[in-house]
C-alpha cells in the first residue's frame, strides 16, 4: 500500500470507535521510506502504537565508515536516535486529544551510549522504531489529526534525522569517533595494568543531585591527574593522544575529607563502564567493563550463596556455605553481593564506606579486644581484600574516610582535596609504619574459589492472569516478572529504563533456552551475551508473536542480569559441589 492508501483508510475510520485504528496496521510505501504500523493501540490510554520507518541507504546515504565496525555502528545508532528525538520535538504539535493522543517517542537514552534497538543501521537501510499515540477524542478516532502525524510530521522527521545531507555531519563524525576512542581506551586497560582511566580536564560533578547533566564548566573543578599516576594513551581518532590518571590494578583507596569529591570520583568510575556522549564531562572516564559496585542491601533475599569467606560459624551451628535468607542483614547482604558478582566474572569491586555495613568493613583493635574472634562470625573485608587480588586477580577501589587500617593493605592511596586527586600512597605507607595498628588479621582460612550455582527453571513464573508471559519494567529499578517484583534499587550501575526492560525479557529467554537446572548462572549469562552479540537485542522481543515492539531495549551488562535473577524472590538455586 501507499501513503495515499493510508490517507484513505484514516479518512474512512474518522469518527469511528478507537479500535478502528487496527485497520491501519500494515506497511506503506512513502517513496523515500516505508512506514510499518506494527501495532495499533486499542485504547487512547494504552501503551502507544508501534511503528517503524525504514529508509533505503540509497536515500539515507549514511557514510559506511560511520558503521564500519560494531563500536561505530552502536555509536551511530545512538546518535541517530537522539537526532530523531530532537526532530520530533521540533516538528510535532504534541498532545492533541485524549490520553497519549498526538505524542511521539523514540528511545533516545541519557548520558550513556548504549546498544539499543531504537535505531538499526544496515548496509541496505536504516530503520527507526517509534511509539505513536494515535489521536482520539474520548474513544473516537481523530483521522485527520492522525493523517497529520503519519503523513506530514513523520516524513519531516525522516527528512531531518535520517538523511545524511540534512544531519549535522561534523557532529555525527565527532560523536562516533569519541565513542570509538573510549572503547579503545577500555580495550587497552588490561595491558596497561589499569582498571580505570580518568582524563585530565574531565568534569566529574553533576549539575545537581536530581540530574545526570554535567556541572557547567565555569563552576566545576576540572580533573587533573597526579604526576605519579599520569598515563598517556594513543587514540585512533582526534585527539591522537590523551593524558590522565590511570587507576592501577590491586587495592586502591580513595580518601579525603567530607565534600572533597571522594564519592564523586567513585560514581564516575561506576558509570565509566559505559561510554558517554561528547560533552558529558565523563566521556574519557573509562572503567573496566567487569567492574561492579558493591553495597549493603538490608532486606534482600539471598539464595544458597557461599558467604563463608566473609561470614562463618554463626550461632547454633548454622552453615553459611549455602546461605539462604528472605531478609538479609547489612553484612550478609554485602557478603552475598560480593560473592554473586565474582560468581559471574567481576574483576573489579567498587565500594563506598557510606553504603557499606560498618561491621563488614572493619573490626578495630579495641573491638577485637572486647569481642573475641570466637564470638564474631564476620571476617572483615579489610582482611580479605588483598587475598581477592592475590588469589583471584580481583581489584578493589574503596572510598574510605574513617579507617586508616586499610593503609596496610592498599597498593595505591588517592586523596581527593577540593575535587583534585593527590597520590598520597607514600604518606599512607609511612603512617602505617609509624602508627602500627594493634588489630589482628582475622582470616580463619585462605580464600577459596567461588562456589557456583545453577538456577532452577521451575522457580521462574512469568505468567500473570491470563497471560503466559507478562513482564513489565515499572521503573529503572523495578521489574514485575509475572506477578513477582524484582527490586533493583541497590543495583547502582543500571542506568536506563530500557536496560531494565531488556533484563526482564532476558531472564525469560534464559529460562526458556539456557536453564536446565544444571547450567551454572555464569554459563547462563555467557549464553545471553553470545546471543546478543550474534543476533542483537531484537531476539528478546516477543513482538514476533504479536505482542511487543523491538524498539525499546537497551543492552544490559551480565552483572545486572545476574543481579536481577538473584533478587527474584522465587528463584531457587542448586549449588555446585566442590
Protein backbone atom coordinates (compact mmCIF):
# COMPACT_ATOMS: atom_id res chain seq x y z
CA UNK A 1 0.00 0.00 0.00
CA UNK A 2 0.98 3.63 -0.43
CA UNK A 3 0.75 6.84 1.56
CA UNK A 4 -2.46 7.64 -0.32
CA UNK A 5 -3.96 4.33 0.81
CA UNK A 6 -3.14 5.25 4.40
CA UNK A 7 -4.87 8.60 3.94
CA UNK A 8 -7.97 6.90 2.58
CA UNK A 9 -8.13 4.47 5.49
CA UNK A 10 -7.76 7.27 8.01
CA UNK A 11 -10.50 9.26 6.27
CA UNK A 12 -12.76 6.19 6.33
CA UNK A 13 -12.32 5.48 10.04
CA UNK A 14 -12.51 9.13 11.12
CA UNK A 15 -15.14 9.43 13.86
CA UNK A 16 -15.41 5.69 14.46
CA UNK A 17 -14.54 3.82 17.66
CA UNK A 18 -10.87 3.76 18.62
CA UNK A 19 -10.38 0.09 17.78
CA UNK A 20 -10.89 1.03 14.11
CA UNK A 21 -7.24 2.11 14.14
CA UNK A 22 -6.47 -1.60 13.80
CA UNK A 23 -7.33 -1.12 10.13
CA UNK A 24 -4.11 0.82 9.51
CA UNK A 25 -1.80 -1.99 10.61
CA UNK A 26 0.47 -2.95 7.72
CA UNK A 27 3.15 -1.33 5.53
CA UNK A 28 3.00 1.78 3.34
CA UNK A 29 5.35 3.00 0.61
CA UNK A 30 6.07 6.70 1.10
CA UNK A 31 8.59 6.84 -1.73
CA UNK A 32 11.59 7.94 0.34
CA UNK A 33 10.83 5.41 3.05
CA UNK A 34 8.48 2.62 4.09
CA UNK A 35 6.18 3.03 7.07
CA UNK A 36 5.30 -0.08 9.08
CA UNK A 37 2.42 0.14 11.53
CA UNK A 38 3.21 -2.96 13.57
CA UNK A 39 0.66 -2.50 16.32
CA UNK A 40 -2.19 -0.02 16.68
CA UNK A 41 -3.17 0.55 20.29
CA UNK A 42 -6.69 -0.44 21.23
CA UNK A 43 -7.30 2.46 23.61
CA UNK A 44 -6.01 6.05 23.76
CA UNK A 45 -4.83 5.44 27.34
CA UNK A 46 -2.99 2.21 26.47
CA UNK A 47 0.67 1.97 25.52
CA UNK A 48 1.28 3.95 22.30
CA UNK A 49 1.08 2.37 18.88
CA UNK A 50 4.25 0.85 17.47
CA UNK A 51 5.58 1.95 14.11
CA UNK A 52 8.82 1.75 12.15
CA UNK A 53 10.19 3.84 9.33
CA UNK A 54 12.76 2.21 7.04
CA UNK A 55 14.84 4.36 4.71
CA UNK A 56 16.96 2.70 2.00
CA UNK A 57 20.62 3.67 2.10
CA UNK A 58 20.22 4.93 -1.47
CA UNK A 59 18.16 7.71 0.13
CA UNK A 60 19.78 7.97 3.58
CA UNK A 61 23.34 7.84 2.21
CA UNK A 62 24.91 7.36 5.65
CA UNK A 63 28.69 7.01 5.18
CA UNK A 64 29.65 3.38 5.59
CA UNK A 65 32.75 4.45 7.52
CA UNK A 66 30.48 5.53 10.39
CA UNK A 67 29.20 1.98 10.89
CA UNK A 68 32.22 0.03 9.70
CA UNK A 69 32.58 -1.93 12.96
CA UNK A 70 30.43 -2.84 15.94
CA UNK A 71 31.52 0.07 18.12
CA UNK A 72 30.91 2.63 15.39
CA UNK A 73 27.55 1.12 14.48
CA UNK A 74 26.33 1.29 18.09
CA UNK A 75 27.53 4.89 18.34
CA UNK A 76 25.89 5.96 15.07
CA UNK A 77 22.61 4.29 16.01
CA UNK A 78 22.67 6.08 19.36
CA UNK A 79 23.40 9.40 17.65
CA UNK A 80 20.54 8.94 15.17
CA UNK A 81 18.07 8.11 17.94
CA UNK A 82 18.92 11.42 19.56
CA UNK A 83 18.51 13.20 16.23
CA UNK A 84 15.08 11.61 15.69
CA UNK A 85 14.02 12.65 19.19
CA UNK A 86 15.18 16.20 18.52
CA UNK A 87 13.29 16.29 15.22
CA UNK A 88 10.15 15.07 16.98
CA UNK A 89 10.37 17.90 19.48
CA UNK A 90 10.80 20.41 16.65
CA UNK A 91 8.21 19.07 14.20
CA UNK A 92 5.31 17.53 16.10
CA UNK A 93 2.48 19.53 17.60
CA UNK A 94 2.48 17.26 20.63
CA UNK A 95 -0.57 16.36 22.66
CA UNK A 96 -3.84 16.62 20.75
CA UNK A 97 -6.78 14.74 22.17
CA UNK A 98 -7.38 12.12 24.85
CA UNK A 99 -4.74 10.11 26.70
CA UNK A 100 -1.49 9.79 24.74
CA UNK A 101 -3.04 11.27 21.59
CA UNK A 102 -0.58 13.12 19.39
CA UNK A 103 2.58 12.10 21.22
CA UNK A 104 5.61 10.54 19.51
CA UNK A 105 8.50 8.84 21.24
CA UNK A 106 11.78 7.15 20.46
CA UNK A 107 14.12 5.55 22.99
CA UNK A 108 16.86 8.19 22.85
CA UNK A 109 18.72 7.45 26.07
CA UNK A 110 20.59 9.66 28.53
CA UNK A 111 24.25 10.47 29.09
CA UNK A 112 25.47 6.94 28.36
CA UNK A 113 25.84 5.46 24.88
CA UNK A 114 24.23 2.03 24.87
CA UNK A 115 23.47 -0.58 22.28
CA UNK A 116 19.77 -0.01 21.57
CA UNK A 117 17.02 -1.31 19.34
CA UNK A 118 15.54 2.15 18.67
CA UNK A 119 17.62 2.60 15.50
CA UNK A 120 19.01 -0.14 13.30
CA UNK A 121 21.62 0.69 10.65
CA UNK A 122 22.32 -1.88 7.95
CA UNK A 123 24.23 -1.70 4.68
CA UNK A 124 20.91 -1.69 2.84
CA UNK A 125 18.77 0.58 5.06
CA UNK A 126 18.34 2.50 8.28
CA UNK A 127 15.27 1.94 10.44
CA UNK A 128 13.78 3.96 13.32
CA UNK A 129 11.40 2.26 15.74
CA UNK A 130 8.88 4.72 17.19
CA UNK A 131 5.93 4.85 19.55
CA UNK A 132 2.99 6.96 18.44
CA UNK A 133 -0.11 7.98 20.36
CA UNK A 134 -2.83 7.81 17.72
CA UNK A 135 -5.20 10.75 18.37
CA UNK A 136 -8.71 10.43 19.71
CA UNK A 137 -11.49 12.50 21.20
CA UNK A 138 -12.58 10.31 24.07
CA UNK A 139 -12.51 6.93 22.34
CA UNK A 140 -13.36 8.29 18.90
CA UNK A 141 -10.80 8.21 16.07
CA UNK A 142 -9.46 11.60 15.01
CA UNK A 143 -8.50 10.57 11.49
CA UNK A 144 -7.40 13.99 10.25
CA UNK A 145 -5.04 14.51 13.18
CA UNK A 146 -3.66 11.00 12.64
CA UNK A 147 -3.07 11.86 8.98
CA UNK A 148 -1.21 14.99 10.06
CA UNK A 149 1.02 12.90 12.32
CA UNK A 150 1.73 9.99 9.99
CA UNK A 151 1.62 11.64 6.58
CA UNK A 152 3.01 15.12 7.28
CA UNK A 153 5.01 15.19 10.51
CA UNK A 154 6.63 11.77 10.16
CA UNK A 155 8.09 12.47 6.69
CA UNK A 156 9.57 15.70 8.06
CA UNK A 157 11.18 13.78 10.93
CA UNK A 158 12.67 11.29 8.49
CA UNK A 159 13.97 14.11 6.32
CA UNK A 160 15.59 15.93 9.24
CA UNK A 161 17.01 13.00 11.18
CA UNK A 162 17.72 10.05 8.87
CA UNK A 163 19.04 11.62 5.66
CA UNK A 164 22.75 12.35 5.76
CA UNK A 165 22.50 15.53 3.75
CA UNK A 166 20.37 17.13 6.48
CA UNK A 167 22.22 15.83 9.53
CA UNK A 168 24.92 17.76 11.44
CA UNK A 169 27.66 15.77 9.74
CA UNK A 170 30.65 17.03 11.69
CA UNK A 171 28.81 16.40 14.97
CA UNK A 172 27.94 12.87 13.86
CA UNK A 173 31.57 12.16 12.98
CA UNK A 174 32.78 13.54 16.30
CA UNK A 175 30.19 11.53 18.23
CA UNK A 176 31.16 8.24 16.61
CA UNK A 177 34.90 8.89 16.94
CA UNK A 178 34.55 9.89 20.59
CA UNK A 179 32.78 6.63 21.44
CA UNK A 180 35.37 4.66 19.48
CA UNK A 181 38.14 6.42 21.42
CA UNK A 182 36.53 5.45 24.71
CA UNK A 183 36.26 1.81 23.74
CA UNK A 184 39.85 1.87 22.52
CA UNK A 185 40.97 3.01 25.97
CA UNK A 186 38.86 0.30 27.61
CA UNK A 187 40.45 -2.35 25.40
CA UNK A 188 43.92 -1.20 26.46
CA UNK A 189 43.36 -1.06 30.22
CA UNK A 190 44.46 -4.62 30.87
CA UNK A 191 47.76 -4.35 29.00
CA UNK A 192 48.45 -1.08 30.83
CA UNK A 193 47.81 -2.87 34.15
CA UNK A 194 44.95 -0.49 34.88
CA UNK A 195 41.34 -0.93 35.91
CA UNK A 196 40.28 2.62 35.02
CA UNK A 197 41.41 5.87 33.37
CA UNK A 198 40.25 9.42 34.14
CA UNK A 199 41.32 12.01 31.60
CA UNK A 200 42.69 15.40 32.54
CA UNK A 201 40.02 18.03 32.02
CA UNK A 202 37.14 15.70 32.89
CA UNK A 203 34.13 17.19 34.68
CA UNK A 204 33.04 14.66 37.29
CA UNK A 205 30.44 16.59 39.35
CA UNK A 206 26.87 16.69 38.11
CA UNK A 207 24.79 19.87 37.98
CA UNK A 208 22.69 18.65 40.92
CA UNK A 209 21.62 15.52 42.71
CA UNK A 210 18.48 15.42 40.58
CA UNK A 211 20.18 15.29 37.17
CA UNK A 212 22.93 13.43 35.37
CA UNK A 213 23.84 16.52 33.36
CA UNK A 214 27.36 17.87 33.97
CA UNK A 215 28.06 20.82 36.19
CA UNK A 216 28.77 23.88 33.98
CA UNK A 217 32.47 24.05 33.19
CA UNK A 218 32.70 27.57 34.64
CA UNK A 219 31.63 26.22 38.04
CA UNK A 220 33.39 22.86 38.02
CA UNK A 221 36.91 21.90 39.05
CA UNK A 222 38.47 20.19 36.04
CA UNK A 223 40.10 16.88 36.88
CA UNK A 224 43.91 16.77 36.81
CA UNK A 225 45.96 13.64 37.40
CA UNK A 226 48.78 13.50 39.92
CA UNK A 227 52.10 13.25 38.07
CA UNK A 228 52.84 9.85 39.64
CA UNK A 229 49.66 8.31 38.20
CA UNK A 230 49.55 10.13 34.88
CA UNK A 231 49.16 7.86 31.88
CA UNK A 232 49.22 8.85 28.21
CA UNK A 233 47.27 6.77 25.69
CA UNK A 234 47.27 6.95 21.90
CA UNK A 235 43.84 7.17 20.32
CA UNK A 236 42.59 6.12 16.88
CA UNK A 237 40.81 9.46 16.35
CA UNK A 238 41.27 13.06 17.36
CA UNK A 239 42.79 13.79 19.80
CA UNK A 240 45.64 11.48 18.90
CA UNK A 241 46.94 11.42 22.49
CA UNK A 242 45.13 11.75 25.79
CA UNK A 243 46.60 12.05 29.28
CA UNK A 244 45.00 11.38 32.62
CA UNK A 245 45.06 9.34 35.80
CA UNK A 246 45.47 5.61 35.48
CA UNK A 247 43.95 3.63 38.36
CA UNK A 248 46.23 0.60 38.77
CA UNK A 249 45.15 -2.95 39.39
CA UNK A 250 45.29 -4.02 43.02
CA UNK A 251 43.77 -2.33 46.04
CA UNK A 252 43.12 1.40 45.66
CA UNK A 253 41.83 3.67 48.43
CA UNK A 254 40.13 6.99 47.75
CA UNK A 255 40.46 9.10 50.89
CA UNK A 256 39.96 12.73 51.90
CA UNK A 257 37.73 14.99 53.90
CA UNK A 258 33.98 15.19 53.52
CA UNK A 259 32.66 17.03 50.44
CA UNK A 260 36.05 16.97 48.67
CA UNK A 261 34.98 14.61 45.86
CA UNK A 262 35.65 11.04 47.03
CA UNK A 263 32.22 9.65 46.20
CA UNK A 264 32.02 11.81 43.08
CA UNK A 265 35.13 10.10 41.72
CA UNK A 266 33.78 6.66 42.62
CA UNK A 267 30.44 7.45 40.97
CA UNK A 268 32.26 8.46 37.78
CA UNK A 269 34.17 5.16 37.86
CA UNK A 270 30.88 3.26 38.35
CA UNK A 271 29.37 4.90 35.27
CA UNK A 272 32.64 4.59 33.36
CA UNK A 273 31.74 1.00 32.47
CA UNK A 274 29.66 2.65 29.69
CA UNK A 275 30.80 5.14 27.04
CA UNK A 276 29.37 8.64 27.39
CA UNK A 277 28.19 11.24 24.93
CA UNK A 278 30.55 14.08 23.96
CA UNK A 279 30.11 16.99 26.34
CA UNK A 280 29.09 14.85 29.30
CA UNK A 281 32.37 15.64 31.08
CA UNK A 282 32.96 11.95 31.79
CA UNK A 283 33.40 10.84 28.18
CA UNK A 284 37.01 9.96 28.94
CA UNK A 285 36.37 8.35 32.29
CA UNK A 286 36.77 4.73 31.24
CA UNK A 287 36.46 1.77 33.60
CA UNK A 288 36.89 -1.96 33.07
CA UNK A 289 33.62 -3.42 31.82
CA UNK A 290 33.99 -6.04 34.59
CA UNK A 291 33.73 -3.53 37.44
CA UNK A 292 30.80 -3.97 39.83
CA UNK A 293 29.57 -1.60 42.53
CA UNK A 294 29.04 -3.39 45.84
CA UNK A 295 26.97 -2.16 48.76
CA UNK A 296 24.99 -3.38 51.74
CA UNK A 297 21.35 -4.17 50.95
CA UNK A 298 19.28 -4.82 54.05
CA UNK A 299 16.22 -6.97 53.45
CA UNK A 300 17.15 -8.61 50.16
CA UNK A 301 16.67 -12.29 49.58
CA UNK A 302 19.76 -14.50 49.30
CA UNK A 303 19.63 -17.99 47.81
CA UNK A 304 22.31 -20.63 48.54
CA UNK A 305 25.32 -18.30 48.36
CA UNK A 306 28.61 -19.41 49.91
CA UNK A 307 29.35 -16.38 52.07
CA UNK A 308 31.70 -18.35 54.35
CA UNK A 309 34.81 -16.42 53.20
CA UNK A 310 33.29 -13.41 55.00
CA UNK A 311 30.76 -14.82 57.46
CA UNK A 312 31.06 -18.23 59.12
CA UNK A 313 30.42 -20.03 62.40
CA UNK A 314 27.03 -18.47 63.03
CA UNK A 315 25.40 -19.16 66.40
CA UNK A 316 23.73 -22.55 66.82
CA UNK A 317 25.92 -24.03 64.09
CA UNK A 318 24.09 -22.52 61.14
CA UNK A 319 26.13 -23.07 57.96
CA UNK A 320 26.99 -20.23 55.59
CA UNK A 321 28.43 -22.33 52.76
CA UNK A 322 24.96 -22.35 51.11
CA UNK A 323 23.42 -19.40 52.89
CA UNK A 324 19.77 -18.52 52.26
CA UNK A 325 17.59 -15.87 53.86
CA UNK A 326 14.50 -13.86 52.99
CA UNK A 327 15.72 -10.84 54.96
CA UNK A 328 19.47 -10.34 54.75
CA UNK A 329 21.27 -8.02 57.15
CA UNK A 330 23.67 -5.35 56.00
CA UNK A 331 26.71 -7.59 56.44
CA UNK A 332 25.22 -10.79 54.99
CA UNK A 333 23.80 -8.90 52.01
CA UNK A 334 27.14 -7.23 51.29
CA UNK A 335 28.95 -10.55 51.54
CA UNK A 336 26.40 -12.12 49.16
CA UNK A 337 26.67 -9.21 46.72
CA UNK A 338 30.45 -9.69 46.50
CA UNK A 339 30.29 -13.45 46.03
CA UNK A 340 27.48 -13.18 43.44
CA UNK A 341 29.49 -10.61 41.44
CA UNK A 342 32.58 -12.81 41.49
CA UNK A 343 30.48 -15.82 40.51
CA UNK A 344 29.62 -14.26 37.13
CA UNK A 345 33.08 -12.84 36.39
CA UNK A 346 33.64 -9.50 38.15
CA UNK A 347 37.28 -8.41 38.13
CA UNK A 348 36.90 -5.06 39.92
CA UNK A 349 34.88 -4.26 43.04
CA UNK A 350 33.85 -0.67 43.75
CA UNK A 351 32.85 0.14 47.34
CA UNK A 352 31.98 3.24 49.33
CA UNK A 353 32.07 3.06 53.10
CA UNK A 354 28.95 5.25 53.20
CA UNK A 355 26.86 2.47 51.63
CA UNK A 356 28.65 -0.42 53.32
CA UNK A 357 27.92 -2.28 56.54
CA UNK A 358 30.40 -0.97 59.10
CA UNK A 359 30.88 -4.31 60.84
CA UNK A 360 31.54 -5.95 57.47
CA UNK A 361 34.30 -3.50 56.55
CA UNK A 362 36.45 -3.34 59.70
CA UNK A 363 36.90 -4.52 63.29
CA UNK A 364 39.41 -2.36 65.07
CA UNK A 365 41.79 -3.46 67.83
CA UNK A 366 39.60 -2.26 70.67
CA UNK A 367 36.56 -4.14 69.42
CA UNK A 368 38.71 -7.23 68.87
CA UNK A 369 39.87 -6.96 72.48
CA UNK A 370 36.32 -6.72 73.77
CA UNK A 371 34.59 -9.26 71.48
CA UNK A 372 36.79 -12.29 70.89
CA UNK A 373 37.04 -13.72 67.39
CA UNK A 374 35.47 -16.94 68.69
CA UNK A 375 32.25 -14.95 69.13
CA UNK A 376 32.44 -12.90 65.93
CA UNK A 377 31.37 -14.72 62.74
CA UNK A 378 32.39 -11.88 60.37
CA UNK A 379 35.79 -11.84 58.69
CA UNK A 380 36.04 -8.13 57.86
CA UNK A 381 36.66 -7.04 54.30
CA UNK A 382 39.98 -5.44 55.28
CA UNK A 383 41.31 -8.95 55.91
CA UNK A 384 40.14 -10.36 52.57
CA UNK A 385 40.73 -7.52 50.14
CA UNK A 386 44.37 -8.41 49.43
CA UNK A 387 43.52 -12.08 49.01
CA UNK A 388 40.88 -11.15 46.47
CA UNK A 389 43.60 -9.62 44.34
CA UNK A 390 46.48 -12.00 45.02
CA UNK A 391 44.47 -15.26 44.81
CA UNK A 392 41.61 -14.36 42.43
CA UNK A 393 43.00 -11.39 40.49
CA UNK A 394 40.13 -9.16 41.62
CA UNK A 395 40.99 -5.49 42.19
CA UNK A 396 39.15 -3.18 44.58
CA UNK A 397 38.56 0.57 44.62
CA UNK A 398 37.31 1.70 48.00
CA UNK A 399 36.21 5.09 49.27
CA UNK A 400 37.37 5.16 52.88
CA UNK A 401 37.32 8.16 55.16
CA UNK A 402 37.07 6.56 58.58
CA UNK A 403 39.67 3.81 58.98
CA UNK A 404 43.41 4.06 58.40
CA UNK A 405 43.72 0.30 58.94
CA UNK A 406 43.19 -0.05 55.20
CA UNK A 407 46.56 1.68 54.63
CA UNK A 408 48.22 -1.66 55.45
CA UNK A 409 46.54 -3.47 52.57
CA UNK A 410 46.41 -0.75 49.91
CA UNK A 411 48.62 -0.57 46.83
CA UNK A 412 47.54 2.96 45.90
CA UNK A 413 46.05 5.73 48.02
CA UNK A 414 44.43 8.69 46.26
CA UNK A 415 43.42 11.71 48.33
CA UNK A 416 40.71 13.97 46.99
CA UNK A 417 41.21 17.57 48.04
CA UNK A 418 38.98 20.28 46.58
CA UNK A 419 37.91 17.78 43.89
CA UNK A 420 41.51 17.23 42.77
CA UNK A 421 43.36 13.93 43.28
CA UNK A 422 46.69 13.63 45.08
CA UNK A 423 48.79 10.47 45.18
CA UNK A 424 49.44 10.03 48.92
CA UNK A 425 50.48 6.37 48.77
CA UNK A 426 53.94 7.04 50.23
CA UNK A 427 52.49 9.14 53.05
CA UNK A 428 49.92 6.47 53.87
CA UNK A 429 52.58 3.75 53.98
CA UNK A 430 54.81 5.89 56.21
CA UNK A 431 51.91 6.50 58.59
CA UNK A 432 51.08 2.79 58.62
CA UNK A 433 54.66 2.00 59.63
CA UNK A 434 54.91 4.71 62.28
CA UNK A 435 51.43 4.20 63.79
CA UNK A 436 51.24 0.43 63.81
CA UNK A 437 47.72 -0.93 64.17
CA UNK A 438 47.09 -3.21 67.09
CA UNK A 439 44.37 -5.15 65.31
CA UNK A 440 44.83 -8.80 64.38
CA UNK A 441 44.15 -10.29 60.96
CA UNK A 442 41.02 -12.42 61.29
CA UNK A 443 41.12 -14.86 58.38
CA UNK A 444 40.34 -18.34 59.72
CA UNK A 445 41.37 -19.98 56.43
CA UNK A 446 42.65 -18.91 53.00
CA UNK A 447 40.21 -17.61 50.40
CA UNK A 448 38.95 -20.41 48.16
CA UNK A 449 37.50 -20.46 44.66
CA UNK A 450 33.96 -19.17 44.37
CA UNK A 451 31.20 -21.79 44.56
CA UNK A 452 28.92 -21.77 41.52
CA UNK A 453 25.15 -22.21 41.47
CA UNK A 454 22.63 -23.37 38.89
CA UNK A 455 19.24 -21.61 38.78
CA UNK A 456 16.27 -23.96 38.62
CA UNK A 457 13.95 -23.02 35.73
CA UNK A 458 10.87 -24.22 37.62
CA UNK A 459 11.31 -21.32 40.08
CA UNK A 460 10.61 -18.68 37.40
CA UNK A 461 6.98 -17.87 36.55
CA UNK A 462 6.44 -15.04 34.03
CA UNK A 463 2.66 -15.53 33.87
CA UNK A 464 0.08 -13.09 35.17
CA UNK A 465 -3.66 -13.53 34.91
CA UNK A 466 -4.49 -15.00 31.51
CA UNK A 467 -1.11 -14.09 30.04
CA UNK A 468 1.55 -16.78 29.93
CA UNK A 469 4.24 -14.11 29.69
CA UNK A 470 3.70 -10.72 31.28
CA UNK A 471 6.88 -8.82 32.09
CA UNK A 472 6.90 -5.09 32.83
CA UNK A 473 9.63 -2.62 33.68
CA UNK A 474 7.85 -0.35 36.13
CA UNK A 475 10.86 1.89 36.77
CA UNK A 476 14.61 1.83 36.20
CA UNK A 477 14.91 -0.11 39.44
CA UNK A 478 11.78 -2.28 39.37
CA UNK A 479 10.71 -5.23 37.20
CA UNK A 480 7.42 -7.05 37.53
CA UNK A 481 8.23 -10.57 36.38
CA UNK A 482 4.83 -12.19 36.10
CA UNK A 483 3.37 -11.31 39.49
CA UNK A 484 6.75 -11.14 41.25
CA UNK A 485 8.55 -7.79 41.75
CA UNK A 486 12.32 -7.62 41.32
CA UNK A 487 13.71 -4.74 43.39
CA UNK A 488 16.85 -3.28 41.79
CA UNK A 489 17.21 -0.12 43.87
CA UNK A 490 20.63 -1.17 45.11
CA UNK A 491 21.92 -2.24 41.69
CA UNK A 492 23.59 1.09 41.09
CA UNK A 493 25.12 0.58 37.64
CA UNK A 494 21.75 0.09 36.00
CA UNK A 495 21.27 3.43 34.23
CA UNK A 496 18.45 3.18 31.70
CA UNK A 497 14.78 2.18 31.78
CA UNK A 498 15.26 0.25 28.53
CA UNK A 499 18.04 -1.81 30.13
CA UNK A 500 15.62 -2.78 32.86
CA UNK A 501 13.00 -3.81 30.30
CA UNK A 502 15.62 -5.87 28.47
CA UNK A 503 16.66 -7.59 31.70
CA UNK A 504 13.11 -8.79 32.32
CA UNK A 505 12.88 -10.38 28.88
CA UNK A 506 16.47 -11.65 29.06
CA UNK A 507 15.58 -13.61 32.18
CA UNK A 508 12.61 -15.15 30.40
CA UNK A 509 14.76 -16.01 27.36
CA UNK A 510 17.39 -17.54 29.63
CA UNK A 511 14.80 -19.72 31.37
CA UNK A 512 13.41 -20.89 28.03
CA UNK A 513 16.70 -21.57 26.26
CA UNK A 514 19.64 -21.83 28.66
CA UNK A 515 18.47 -23.09 32.06
CA UNK A 516 18.13 -26.80 32.63
CA UNK A 517 18.77 -26.99 36.37
CA UNK A 518 22.43 -27.86 35.77
CA UNK A 519 23.76 -24.85 33.81
CA UNK A 520 25.67 -22.54 36.12
CA UNK A 521 24.48 -18.95 36.43
CA UNK A 522 27.75 -17.83 34.86
CA UNK A 523 27.11 -20.12 31.87
CA UNK A 524 23.60 -18.68 31.54
CA UNK A 525 24.78 -15.08 31.32
CA UNK A 526 27.60 -16.16 28.99
CA UNK A 527 24.99 -17.67 26.68
CA UNK A 528 22.89 -14.50 26.77
CA UNK A 529 25.89 -12.37 25.85
CA UNK A 530 26.73 -14.62 22.91
CA UNK A 531 23.10 -14.41 21.80
CA UNK A 532 23.16 -10.60 21.92
CA UNK A 533 26.48 -10.47 20.07
CA UNK A 534 25.29 -12.77 17.31
CA UNK A 535 21.66 -11.73 16.87
CA UNK A 536 21.21 -8.40 18.62
CA UNK A 537 18.64 -7.39 21.21
CA UNK A 538 15.67 -7.96 18.91
CA UNK A 539 15.79 -11.62 19.96
CA UNK A 540 14.40 -10.58 23.35
CA UNK A 541 11.25 -9.17 21.86
CA UNK A 542 8.11 -11.31 21.68
CA UNK A 543 6.68 -8.89 19.09
CA UNK A 544 7.17 -11.60 16.50
CA UNK A 545 4.27 -13.27 18.30
CA UNK A 546 2.28 -10.06 18.01
CA UNK A 547 2.84 -8.69 21.50
CA UNK A 548 5.64 -6.14 21.69
CA UNK A 549 7.76 -3.79 19.61
CA UNK A 550 11.53 -4.23 19.37
CA UNK A 551 12.35 -0.54 19.65
CA UNK A 552 12.69 -0.09 23.39
CA UNK A 553 15.52 -2.33 24.58
CA UNK A 554 18.98 -1.21 25.65
CA UNK A 555 21.71 -3.72 26.35
CA UNK A 556 22.30 -4.57 30.00
CA UNK A 557 25.55 -5.98 31.32
CA UNK A 558 25.82 -9.56 32.51
CA UNK A 559 26.22 -8.31 36.08
CA UNK A 560 22.87 -6.53 36.18
CA UNK A 561 21.10 -9.51 34.59
CA UNK A 562 22.59 -11.81 37.22
CA UNK A 563 21.74 -9.29 39.96
CA UNK A 564 18.09 -9.32 38.86
CA UNK A 565 17.97 -13.12 38.85
CA UNK A 566 19.48 -13.18 42.34
CA UNK A 567 16.85 -10.69 43.58
CA UNK A 568 13.84 -12.57 42.25
CA UNK A 569 12.36 -13.85 45.50
CA UNK A 570 11.01 -17.05 43.97
CA UNK A 571 14.33 -18.14 42.48
CA UNK A 572 15.84 -21.39 43.66
CA UNK A 573 19.42 -22.49 43.06
CA UNK A 574 21.33 -25.74 43.10
CA UNK A 575 24.83 -25.20 44.45
CA UNK A 576 27.66 -26.90 42.62
CA UNK A 577 29.62 -29.28 44.80
CA UNK A 578 33.33 -28.55 45.25
